[in-house]
Amino acid sequence: MGKVYMRLIIDTLQPDENYVDGMIKVYNNELCDTLDDYNCGAFYEPSYFIARAYNNGGF
């Protein structure tokens, strides 16, 4: 799970943002509820798909 979140943070990091702000932004997003649900398997998706879902507001 750590690698999934690490890739999501790096993929969604803005040019003027530092890593701490990026982590806070990602962990406070509602997409984390879906990623943390092991019954749906969203964390198995490729990192670009998860980043796109993050930017679009959900899967």
C-alpha atoms as a PDB file:
ATOM      1  CA  MET A   1       0.000   0.000   0.000  1.00  0.00           C
ATOM      2  CA  GLY A   2       2.869   2.351   0.692  1.00  0.00           C
ATOM      3  CA  LYS A   3       4.065   2.130  -2.892  1.00  0.00           C
ATOM      4  CA  VAL A   4       0.561   2.839  -4.193  1.00  0.00           C
ATOM      5  CA  TYR A   5       0.335   6.021  -2.139  1.00  0.00           C
ATOM      6  CA  MET A   6       3.922   7.022  -2.963  1.00  0.00           C
ATOM      7  CA  ARG A   7       3.210   6.802  -6.700  1.00  0.00           C
ATOM      8  CA  LEU A   8      -0.052   8.712  -6.298  1.00  0.00           C
ATOM      9  CA  ILE A   9       1.652  11.498  -4.352  1.00  0.00           C
ATOM     10  CA  ILE A  10       4.424  11.823  -6.919  1.00  0.00           C
ATOM     11  CA  ASP A  11       2.013  11.648  -9.875  1.00  0.00           C
ATOM     12  CA  THR A  12      -0.246  14.387  -8.483  1.00  0.00           C
ATOM     13  CA  LEU A  13       2.426  16.687  -7.057  1.00  0.00           C
ATOM     14  CA  GLN A  14       2.130  20.249  -8.356  1.00  0.00           C
ATOM     15  CA  PRO A  15       5.291  22.135  -9.422  1.00  0.00           C
ATOM     16  CA  ASP A  16       5.036  24.610  -6.517  1.00  0.00           C
ATOM     17  CA  GLU A  17       4.205  21.945  -3.894  1.00  0.00           C
ATOM     18  CA  ASN A  18       6.566  20.127  -1.554  1.00  0.00           C
ATOM     19  CA  TYR A  19       6.206  16.449  -0.634  1.00  0.00           C
ATOM     20  CA  VAL A  20       4.606  17.096   2.750  1.00  0.00           C
ATOM     21  CA  ASP A  21       1.839  19.210   1.241  1.00  0.00           C
ATOM     22  CA  GLY A  22       1.341  16.572  -1.443  1.00  0.00           C
ATOM     23  CA  MET A  23       1.024  13.827   1.178  1.00  0.00           C
ATOM     24  CA  ILE A  24      -1.509  15.792   3.181  1.00  0.00           C
ATOM     25  CA  LYS A  25      -3.528  16.555   0.039  1.00  0.00           C
ATOM     26  CA  VAL A  26      -3.627  12.901  -1.047  1.00  0.00           C
ATOM     27  CA  TYR A  27      -4.327  11.392   2.373  1.00  0.00           C
ATOM     28  CA  ASN A  28      -7.217  13.801   2.978  1.00  0.00           C
ATOM     29  CA  ASN A  29      -8.872  12.927  -0.333  1.00  0.00           C
ATOM     30  CA  GLU A  30     -11.952  10.672  -0.391  1.00  0.00           C
ATOM     31  CA  LEU A  31     -10.235   8.407  -2.923  1.00  0.00           C
ATOM     32  CA  CYS A  32      -8.224   6.975  -0.015  1.00  0.00           C
ATOM     33  CA  ASP A  33     -11.383   5.325   1.303  1.00  0.00           C
ATOM     34  CA  THR A  34     -11.649   3.398  -1.961  1.00  0.00           C
ATOM     35  CA  LEU A  35      -7.950   2.533  -2.074  1.00  0.00           C
ATOM     36  CA  ASP A  36      -7.992   1.324   1.538  1.00  0.00           C
ATOM     37  CA  ASP A  37     -10.962  -0.975   0.888  1.00  0.00           C
ATOM     38  CA  TYR A  38      -9.326  -4.317   0.187  1.00  0.00           C
ATOM     39  CA  ASN A  39     -12.616  -5.819  -1.007  1.00  0.00           C
ATOM     40  CA  CYS A  40     -12.814  -3.680  -4.145  1.00  0.00           C
ATOM     41  CA  GLY A  41      -9.220  -4.130  -5.339  1.00  0.00           C
ATOM     42  CA  ALA A  42      -8.739  -0.570  -6.624  1.00  0.00           C
ATOM     43  CA  PHE A  43      -5.156  -0.594  -5.381  1.00  0.00           C
ATOM     44  CA  TYR A  44      -4.313  -3.227  -8.034  1.00  0.00           C
ATOM     45  CA  GLU A  45      -4.917  -0.721 -10.840  1.00  0.00           C
ATOM     46  CA  PRO A  46      -1.904   0.803 -12.628  1.00  0.00           C
ATOM     47  CA  SER A  47      -0.552   4.007 -11.112  1.00  0.00           C
ATOM     48  CA  TYR A  48      -1.577   6.177 -14.075  1.00  0.00           C
ATOM     49  CA  PHE A  49      -5.170   4.933 -13.727  1.00  0.00           C
ATOM     50  CA  ILE A  50      -5.233   5.739 -10.003  1.00  0.00           C
ATOM     51  CA  ALA A  51      -3.793   9.215 -10.678  1.00  0.00           C
ATOM     52  CA  ARG A  52      -6.427   9.822 -13.358  1.00  0.00           C
ATOM     53  CA  ALA A  53      -9.157   8.710 -10.955  1.00  0.00           C
ATOM     54  CA  TYR A  54      -7.742  11.064  -8.327  1.00  0.00           C
ATOM     55  CA  ASN A  55      -7.811  13.990 -10.753  1.00  0.00           C
ATOM     56  CA  ASN A  56     -11.332  13.123 -11.951  1.00  0.00           C
ATOM     57  CA  GLY A  57     -12.739  12.756  -8.434  1.00  0.00           C
ATOM     58  CA  GLY A  58     -13.190   8.968  -8.254  1.00  0.00           C
ATOM     59  CA  PHE A  59     -13.165   5.664 -10.063  1.00  0.00           C
END
